[in-house]
Amino acid sequence: MANYALRVPESLFAYARKVAEEENVSMNQFFVTAIAEKVSALKTEAYFRERRERGDPADFEAWLAASPDREPEAGDELP
């Protein structure tokens, strides 16, 4: 496991400490989880960007056109 000295503004650190206490986790666990969440969000964004670039709107339109034209099943209706 690696160590990294992190400089955090006092106001942000105080808020992070408060949230960590409310969540009953250590500051280390809070920061590691926050970093993991951000990395996951960035990787997800990159994945969908790559999928969008591979997509073909004409193929999507053809798929929609081939879908049956019927009422949605119970519970799937729009509000």
PDB file of N, CA and C in Angstrom:
ATOM      1  N   MET A   1       0.855  -1.167   0.000  1.00  0.00           N
ATOM      2  CA  MET A   1       0.000   0.000   0.000  1.00  0.00           C
ATOM      3  C   MET A   1       0.905   1.236   0.000  1.00  0.00           C
ATOM      4  N   ALA A   2       0.503   2.246  -0.748  1.00  0.00           N
ATOM      5  CA  ALA A   2       1.293   3.471  -0.870  1.00  0.00           C
ATOM      6  C   ALA A   2       0.821   4.522   0.125  1.00  0.00           C
ATOM      7  N   ASN A   3       1.728   5.424   0.460  1.00  0.00           N
ATOM      8  CA  ASN A   3       1.410   6.577   1.302  1.00  0.00           C
ATOM      9  C   ASN A   3       1.546   7.836   0.465  1.00  0.00           C
ATOM     10  N   TYR A   4       0.696   8.819   0.764  1.00  0.00           N
ATOM     11  CA  TYR A   4       0.755  10.086   0.051  1.00  0.00           C
ATOM     12  C   TYR A   4       0.366  11.197   1.018  1.00  0.00           C
ATOM     13  N   ALA A   5       1.245  12.166   1.167  1.00  0.00           N
ATOM     14  CA  ALA A   5       0.952  13.313   2.025  1.00  0.00           C
ATOM     15  C   ALA A   5       0.012  14.244   1.250  1.00  0.00           C
ATOM     16  N   LEU A   6      -1.112  14.537   1.849  1.00  0.00           N
ATOM     17  CA  LEU A   6      -2.138  15.313   1.170  1.00  0.00           C
ATOM     18  C   LEU A   6      -2.358  16.632   1.892  1.00  0.00           C
ATOM     19  N   ARG A   7      -2.284  17.723   1.156  1.00  0.00           N
ATOM     20  CA  ARG A   7      -2.554  19.038   1.728  1.00  0.00           C
ATOM     21  C   ARG A   7      -4.007  19.384   1.432  1.00  0.00           C
ATOM     22  N   VAL A   8      -4.776  19.608   2.485  1.00  0.00           N
ATOM     23  CA  VAL A   8      -6.215  19.862   2.366  1.00  0.00           C
ATOM     24  C   VAL A   8      -6.536  21.178   3.068  1.00  0.00           C
ATOM     25  N   PRO A   9      -7.284  22.062   2.430  1.00  0.00           N
ATOM     26  CA  PRO A   9      -7.694  23.296   3.103  1.00  0.00           C
ATOM     27  C   PRO A   9      -8.437  22.970   4.398  1.00  0.00           C
ATOM     28  N   GLU A  10      -8.204  23.793   5.420  1.00  0.00           N
ATOM     29  CA  GLU A  10      -8.798  23.544   6.744  1.00  0.00           C
ATOM     30  C   GLU A  10     -10.311  23.381   6.685  1.00  0.00           C
ATOM     31  N   SER A  11     -10.992  24.235   5.914  1.00  0.00           N
ATOM     32  CA  SER A  11     -12.449  24.158   5.864  1.00  0.00           C
ATOM     33  C   SER A  11     -12.916  22.823   5.279  1.00  0.00           C
ATOM     34  N   LEU A  12     -12.259  22.363   4.238  1.00  0.00           N
ATOM     35  CA  LEU A  12     -12.620  21.086   3.633  1.00  0.00           C
ATOM     36  C   LEU A  12     -12.277  19.927   4.565  1.00  0.00           C
ATOM     37  N   PHE A  13     -11.143  20.023   5.216  1.00  0.00           N
ATOM     38  CA  PHE A  13     -10.729  18.973   6.150  1.00  0.00           C
ATOM     39  C   PHE A  13     -11.721  18.871   7.310  1.00  0.00           C
ATOM     40  N   ALA A  14     -12.156  20.004   7.825  1.00  0.00           N
ATOM     41  CA  ALA A  14     -13.115  20.003   8.935  1.00  0.00           C
ATOM     42  C   ALA A  14     -14.429  19.360   8.502  1.00  0.00           C
ATOM     43  N   TYR A  15     -14.869  19.681   7.299  1.00  0.00           N
ATOM     44  CA  TYR A  15     -16.107  19.085   6.804  1.00  0.00           C
ATOM     45  C   TYR A  15     -15.932  17.584   6.593  1.00  0.00           C
ATOM     46  N   ALA A  16     -14.793  17.182   6.023  1.00  0.00           N
ATOM     47  CA  ALA A  16     -14.521  15.754   5.813  1.00  0.00           C
ATOM     48  C   ALA A  16     -14.483  15.019   7.152  1.00  0.00           C
ATOM     49  N   ARG A  17     -13.868  15.621   8.144  1.00  0.00           N
ATOM     50  CA  ARG A  17     -13.812  15.001   9.468  1.00  0.00           C
ATOM     51  C   ARG A  17     -15.229  14.808  10.033  1.00  0.00           C
ATOM     52  N   LYS A  18     -16.058  15.829   9.875  1.00  0.00           N
ATOM     53  CA  LYS A  18     -17.432  15.749  10.372  1.00  0.00           C
ATOM     54  C   LYS A  18     -18.198  14.630   9.670  1.00  0.00           C
ATOM     55  N   VAL A  19     -18.073  14.552   8.363  1.00  0.00           N
ATOM     56  CA  VAL A  19     -18.773  13.510   7.611  1.00  0.00           C
ATOM     57  C   VAL A  19     -18.248  12.129   7.987  1.00  0.00           C
ATOM     58  N   ALA A  20     -16.940  11.986   8.133  1.00  0.00           N
ATOM     59  CA  ALA A  20     -16.362  10.699   8.521  1.00  0.00           C
ATOM     60  C   ALA A  20     -16.880  10.262   9.888  1.00  0.00           C
ATOM     61  N   GLU A  21     -16.964  11.197  10.808  1.00  0.00           N
ATOM     62  CA  GLU A  21     -17.497  10.875  12.133  1.00  0.00           C
ATOM     63  C   GLU A  21     -18.959  10.448  12.035  1.00  0.00           C
ATOM     64  N   GLU A  22     -19.744  11.157  11.238  1.00  0.00           N
ATOM     65  CA  GLU A  22     -21.156  10.805  11.062  1.00  0.00           C
ATOM     66  C   GLU A  22     -21.311   9.426  10.439  1.00  0.00           C
ATOM     67  N   GLU A  23     -20.386   9.056   9.576  1.00  0.00           N
ATOM     68  CA  GLU A  23     -20.433   7.763   8.900  1.00  0.00           C
ATOM     69  C   GLU A  23     -19.721   6.664   9.695  1.00  0.00           C
ATOM     70  N   ASN A  24     -19.139   7.049  10.827  1.00  0.00           N
ATOM     71  CA  ASN A  24     -18.401   6.105  11.679  1.00  0.00           C
ATOM     72  C   ASN A  24     -17.266   5.403  10.937  1.00  0.00           C
ATOM     73  N   VAL A  25     -16.505   6.198  10.178  1.00  0.00           N
ATOM     74  CA  VAL A  25     -15.333   5.668   9.480  1.00  0.00           C
ATOM     75  C   VAL A  25     -14.133   6.543   9.809  1.00  0.00           C
ATOM     76  N   SER A  26     -12.951   5.996   9.609  1.00  0.00           N
ATOM     77  CA  SER A  26     -11.733   6.775   9.839  1.00  0.00           C
ATOM     78  C   SER A  26     -11.562   7.797   8.719  1.00  0.00           C
ATOM     79  N   MET A  27     -10.750   8.793   8.973  1.00  0.00           N
ATOM     80  CA  MET A  27     -10.448   9.777   7.936  1.00  0.00           C
ATOM     81  C   MET A  27      -9.779   9.082   6.750  1.00  0.00           C
ATOM     82  N   ASN A  28      -8.901   8.133   7.032  1.00  0.00           N
ATOM     83  CA  ASN A  28      -8.235   7.404   5.964  1.00  0.00           C
ATOM     84  C   ASN A  28      -9.271   6.693   5.087  1.00  0.00           C
ATOM     85  N   GLN A  29     -10.196   5.979   5.719  1.00  0.00           N
ATOM     86  CA  GLN A  29     -11.213   5.265   4.949  1.00  0.00           C
ATOM     87  C   GLN A  29     -12.071   6.246   4.163  1.00  0.00           C
ATOM     88  N   PHE A  30     -12.393   7.386   4.765  1.00  0.00           N
ATOM     89  CA  PHE A  30     -13.207   8.383   4.074  1.00  0.00           C
ATOM     90  C   PHE A  30     -12.491   8.884   2.819  1.00  0.00           C
ATOM     91  N   PHE A  31     -11.207   9.239   2.948  1.00  0.00           N
ATOM     92  CA  PHE A  31     -10.465   9.748   1.795  1.00  0.00           C
ATOM     93  C   PHE A  31     -10.269   8.674   0.732  1.00  0.00           C
ATOM     94  N   VAL A  32      -9.972   7.456   1.139  1.00  0.00           N
ATOM     95  CA  VAL A  32      -9.788   6.375   0.166  1.00  0.00           C
ATOM     96  C   VAL A  32     -11.095   6.119  -0.589  1.00  0.00           C
ATOM     97  N   THR A  33     -12.208   6.115   0.135  1.00  0.00           N
ATOM     98  CA  THR A  33     -13.505   5.901  -0.506  1.00  0.00           C
ATOM     99  C   THR A  33     -13.831   7.044  -1.467  1.00  0.00           C
ATOM    100  N   ALA A  34     -13.542   8.272  -1.062  1.00  0.00           N
ATOM    101  CA  ALA A  34     -13.804   9.427  -1.926  1.00  0.00           C
ATOM    102  C   ALA A  34     -12.976   9.343  -3.209  1.00  0.00           C
ATOM    103  N   ILE A  35     -11.720   8.962  -3.080  1.00  0.00           N
ATOM    104  CA  ILE A  35     -10.859   8.817  -4.258  1.00  0.00           C
ATOM    105  C   ILE A  35     -11.389   7.697  -5.152  1.00  0.00           C
ATOM    106  N   ALA A  36     -11.773   6.572  -4.548  1.00  0.00           N
ATOM    107  CA  ALA A  36     -12.297   5.448  -5.331  1.00  0.00           C
ATOM    108  C   ALA A  36     -13.565   5.842  -6.078  1.00  0.00           C
ATOM    109  N   GLU A  37     -14.447   6.603  -5.433  1.00  0.00           N
ATOM    110  CA  GLU A  37     -15.671   7.043  -6.092  1.00  0.00           C
ATOM    111  C   GLU A  37     -15.367   7.941  -7.278  1.00  0.00           C
ATOM    112  N   LYS A  38     -14.408   8.846  -7.129  1.00  0.00           N
ATOM    113  CA  LYS A  38     -14.053   9.750  -8.228  1.00  0.00           C
ATOM    114  C   LYS A  38     -13.429   8.978  -9.377  1.00  0.00           C
ATOM    115  N   VAL A  39     -12.523   8.052  -9.069  1.00  0.00           N
ATOM    116  CA  VAL A  39     -11.900   7.239 -10.114  1.00  0.00           C
ATOM    117  C   VAL A  39     -12.972   6.444 -10.862  1.00  0.00           C
ATOM    118  N   SER A  40     -13.907   5.870 -10.122  1.00  0.00           N
ATOM    119  CA  SER A  40     -14.986   5.107 -10.739  1.00  0.00           C
ATOM    120  C   SER A  40     -15.830   5.981 -11.662  1.00  0.00           C
ATOM    121  N   ALA A  41     -16.153   7.188 -11.219  1.00  0.00           N
ATOM    122  CA  ALA A  41     -16.948   8.109 -12.039  1.00  0.00           C
ATOM    123  C   ALA A  41     -16.210   8.463 -13.328  1.00  0.00           C
ATOM    124  N   LEU A  42     -14.919   8.730 -13.235  1.00  0.00           N
ATOM    125  CA  LEU A  42     -14.135   9.075 -14.422  1.00  0.00           C
ATOM    126  C   LEU A  42     -14.025   7.897 -15.384  1.00  0.00           C
ATOM    127  N   LYS A  43     -13.833   6.693 -14.846  1.00  0.00           N
ATOM    128  CA  LYS A  43     -13.750   5.506 -15.694  1.00  0.00           C
ATOM    129  C   LYS A  43     -15.090   5.231 -16.374  1.00  0.00           C
ATOM    130  N   THR A  44     -16.186   5.446 -15.655  1.00  0.00           N
ATOM    131  CA  THR A  44     -17.515   5.241 -16.226  1.00  0.00           C
ATOM    132  C   THR A  44     -17.766   6.239 -17.340  1.00  0.00           C
ATOM    133  N   GLU A  45     -17.392   7.488 -17.118  1.00  0.00           N
ATOM    134  CA  GLU A  45     -17.549   8.514 -18.148  1.00  0.00           C
ATOM    135  C   GLU A  45     -16.751   8.154 -19.396  1.00  0.00           C
ATOM    136  N   ALA A  46     -15.524   7.698 -19.215  1.00  0.00           N
ATOM    137  CA  ALA A  46     -14.683   7.314 -20.349  1.00  0.00           C
ATOM    138  C   ALA A  46     -15.292   6.129 -21.102  1.00  0.00           C
ATOM    139  N   TYR A  47     -15.839   5.164 -20.360  1.00  0.00           N
ATOM    140  CA  TYR A  47     -16.455   3.998 -20.980  1.00  0.00           C
ATOM    141  C   TYR A  47     -17.632   4.424 -21.866  1.00  0.00           C
ATOM    142  N   PHE A  48     -18.527   5.261 -21.323  1.00  0.00           N
ATOM    143  CA  PHE A  48     -19.686   5.673 -22.104  1.00  0.00           C
ATOM    144  C   PHE A  48     -19.300   6.572 -23.268  1.00  0.00           C
ATOM    145  N   ARG A  49     -18.257   7.377 -23.116  1.00  0.00           N
ATOM    146  CA  ARG A  49     -17.769   8.191 -24.226  1.00  0.00           C
ATOM    147  C   ARG A  49     -17.290   7.283 -25.358  1.00  0.00           C
ATOM    148  N   GLU A  50     -16.534   6.245 -25.005  1.00  0.00           N
ATOM    149  CA  GLU A  50     -16.026   5.309 -26.003  1.00  0.00           C
ATOM    150  C   GLU A  50     -17.175   4.566 -26.671  1.00  0.00           C
ATOM    151  N   ARG A  51     -18.176   4.152 -25.886  1.00  0.00           N
ATOM    152  CA  ARG A  51     -19.333   3.450 -26.458  1.00  0.00           C
ATOM    153  C   ARG A  51     -20.120   4.375 -27.385  1.00  0.00           C
ATOM    154  N   ARG A  52     -20.239   5.643 -27.005  1.00  0.00           N
ATOM    155  CA  ARG A  52     -20.969   6.599 -27.848  1.00  0.00           C
ATOM    156  C   ARG A  52     -20.273   6.768 -29.193  1.00  0.00           C
ATOM    157  N   GLU A  53     -18.942   6.809 -29.163  1.00  0.00           N
ATOM    158  CA  GLU A  53     -18.183   6.979 -30.403  1.00  0.00           C
ATOM    159  C   GLU A  53     -18.328   5.774 -31.325  1.00  0.00           C
ATOM    160  N   ARG A  54     -18.538   4.592 -30.754  1.00  0.00           N
ATOM    161  CA  ARG A  54     -18.707   3.386 -31.568  1.00  0.00           C
ATOM    162  C   ARG A  54     -20.127   3.245 -32.084  1.00  0.00           C
ATOM    163  N   GLY A  55     -21.057   3.972 -31.464  1.00  0.00           N
ATOM    164  CA  GLY A  55     -22.462   3.831 -31.819  1.00  0.00           C
ATOM    165  C   GLY A  55     -22.780   4.421 -33.180  1.00  0.00           C
ATOM    166  N   ASP A  56     -23.852   3.944 -33.770  1.00  0.00           N
ATOM    167  CA  ASP A  56     -24.303   4.434 -35.063  1.00  0.00           C
ATOM    168  C   ASP A  56     -25.780   4.806 -34.936  1.00  0.00           C
ATOM    169  N   PRO A  57     -26.102   6.096 -35.059  1.00  0.00           N
ATOM    170  CA  PRO A  57     -27.506   6.510 -34.919  1.00  0.00           C
ATOM    171  C   PRO A  57     -28.445   5.787 -35.885  1.00  0.00           C
ATOM    172  N   ALA A  58     -27.972   5.456 -37.082  1.00  0.00           N
ATOM    173  CA  ALA A  58     -28.823   4.747 -38.039  1.00  0.00           C
ATOM    174  C   ALA A  58     -29.172   3.353 -37.518  1.00  0.00           C
ATOM    175  N   ASP A  59     -28.206   2.684 -36.894  1.00  0.00           N
ATOM    176  CA  ASP A  59     -28.478   1.368 -36.313  1.00  0.00           C
ATOM    177  C   ASP A  59     -29.513   1.476 -35.195  1.00  0.00           C
ATOM    178  N   PHE A  60     -29.398   2.524 -34.378  1.00  0.00           N
ATOM    179  CA  PHE A  60     -30.356   2.728 -33.292  1.00  0.00           C
ATOM    180  C   PHE A  60     -31.756   2.971 -33.853  1.00  0.00           C
ATOM    181  N   GLU A  61     -31.849   3.799 -34.877  1.00  0.00           N
ATOM    182  CA  GLU A  61     -33.145   4.077 -35.500  1.00  0.00           C
ATOM    183  C   GLU A  61     -33.737   2.797 -36.082  1.00  0.00           C
ATOM    184  N   ALA A  62     -32.908   1.950 -36.684  1.00  0.00           N
ATOM    185  CA  ALA A  62     -33.389   0.681 -37.236  1.00  0.00           C
ATOM    186  C   ALA A  62     -33.891  -0.227 -36.117  1.00  0.00           C
ATOM    187  N   TRP A  63     -33.186  -0.234 -34.995  1.00  0.00           N
ATOM    188  CA  TRP A  63     -33.609  -1.042 -33.851  1.00  0.00           C
ATOM    189  C   TRP A  63     -34.957  -0.556 -33.322  1.00  0.00           C
ATOM    190  N   LEU A  64     -35.100   0.765 -33.217  1.00  0.00           N
ATOM    191  CA  LEU A  64     -36.379   1.319 -32.758  1.00  0.00           C
ATOM    192  C   LEU A  64     -37.503   0.977 -33.725  1.00  0.00           C
ATOM    193  N   ALA A  65     -37.225   1.076 -35.022  1.00  0.00           N
ATOM    194  CA  ALA A  65     -38.251   0.794 -36.025  1.00  0.00           C
ATOM    195  C   ALA A  65     -38.685  -0.666 -35.970  1.00  0.00           C
ATOM    196  N   ALA A  66     -37.786  -1.561 -35.599  1.00  0.00           N
ATOM    197  CA  ALA A  66     -38.103  -2.988 -35.531  1.00  0.00           C
ATOM    198  C   ALA A  66     -38.816  -3.360 -34.232  1.00  0.00           C
ATOM    199  N   SER A  67     -38.831  -2.446 -33.267  1.00  0.00           N
ATOM    200  CA  SER A  67     -39.485  -2.734 -31.990  1.00  0.00           C
ATOM    201  C   SER A  67     -40.993  -2.708 -32.167  1.00  0.00           C
ATOM    202  N   PRO A  68     -41.703  -3.601 -31.475  1.00  0.00           N
ATOM    203  CA  PRO A  68     -43.164  -3.624 -31.622  1.00  0.00           C
ATOM    204  C   PRO A  68     -43.798  -2.336 -31.085  1.00  0.00           C
ATOM    205  N   ASP A  69     -44.832  -1.893 -31.764  1.00  0.00           N
ATOM    206  CA  ASP A  69     -45.561  -0.681 -31.354  1.00  0.00           C
ATOM    207  C   ASP A  69     -46.745  -1.117 -30.508  1.00  0.00           C
ATOM    208  N   ARG A  70     -46.539  -1.148 -29.198  1.00  0.00           N
ATOM    209  CA  ARG A  70     -47.603  -1.571 -28.298  1.00  0.00           C
ATOM    210  C   ARG A  70     -47.510  -0.769 -27.003  1.00  0.00           C
ATOM    211  N   GLU A  71     -48.556  -0.856 -26.228  1.00  0.00           N
ATOM    212  CA  GLU A  71     -48.607  -0.161 -24.946  1.00  0.00           C
ATOM    213  C   GLU A  71     -47.590  -0.777 -23.985  1.00  0.00           C
ATOM    214  N   PRO A  72     -47.026   0.040 -23.090  1.00  0.00           N
ATOM    215  CA  PRO A  72     -46.076  -0.507 -22.116  1.00  0.00           C
ATOM    216  C   PRO A  72     -46.767  -1.448 -21.143  1.00  0.00           C
ATOM    217  N   GLU A  73     -45.986  -2.375 -20.591  1.00  0.00           N
ATOM    218  CA  GLU A  73     -46.516  -3.291 -19.597  1.00  0.00           C
ATOM    219  C   GLU A  73     -46.864  -2.508 -18.341  1.00  0.00           C
ATOM    220  N   ALA A  74     -47.737  -3.085 -17.524  1.00  0.00           N
ATOM    221  CA  ALA A  74     -48.162  -2.442 -16.286  1.00  0.00           C
ATOM    222  C   ALA A  74     -46.942  -2.116 -15.422  1.00  0.00           C
ATOM    223  N   GLY A  75     -46.851  -0.881 -14.964  1.00  0.00           N
ATOM    224  CA  GLY A  75     -45.738  -0.439 -14.142  1.00  0.00           C
ATOM    225  C   GLY A  75     -44.638   0.244 -14.929  1.00  0.00           C
ATOM    226  N   ASP A  76     -44.656   0.114 -16.278  1.00  0.00           N
ATOM    227  CA  ASP A  76     -43.636   0.733 -17.128  1.00  0.00           C
ATOM    228  C   ASP A  76     -44.117   2.016 -17.792  1.00  0.00           C
ATOM    229  N   GLU A  77     -45.321   2.452 -17.460  1.00  0.00           N
ATOM    230  CA  GLU A  77     -45.880   3.659 -18.088  1.00  0.00           C
ATOM    231  C   GLU A  77     -45.138   4.894 -17.607  1.00  0.00           C
ATOM    232  N   LEU A  78     -45.150   5.914 -18.449  1.00  0.00           N
ATOM    233  CA  LEU A  78     -44.616   7.219 -18.042  1.00  0.00           C
ATOM    234  C   LEU A  78     -45.639   7.894 -17.137  1.00  0.00           C
ATOM    235  N   PRO A  79     -45.176   8.685 -16.190  1.00  0.00           N
ATOM    236  CA  PRO A  79     -46.142   9.377 -15.305  1.00  0.00           C
ATOM    237  C   PRO A  79     -46.957  10.417 -16.057  1.00  0.00           C
TER     238      PRO A  79
END
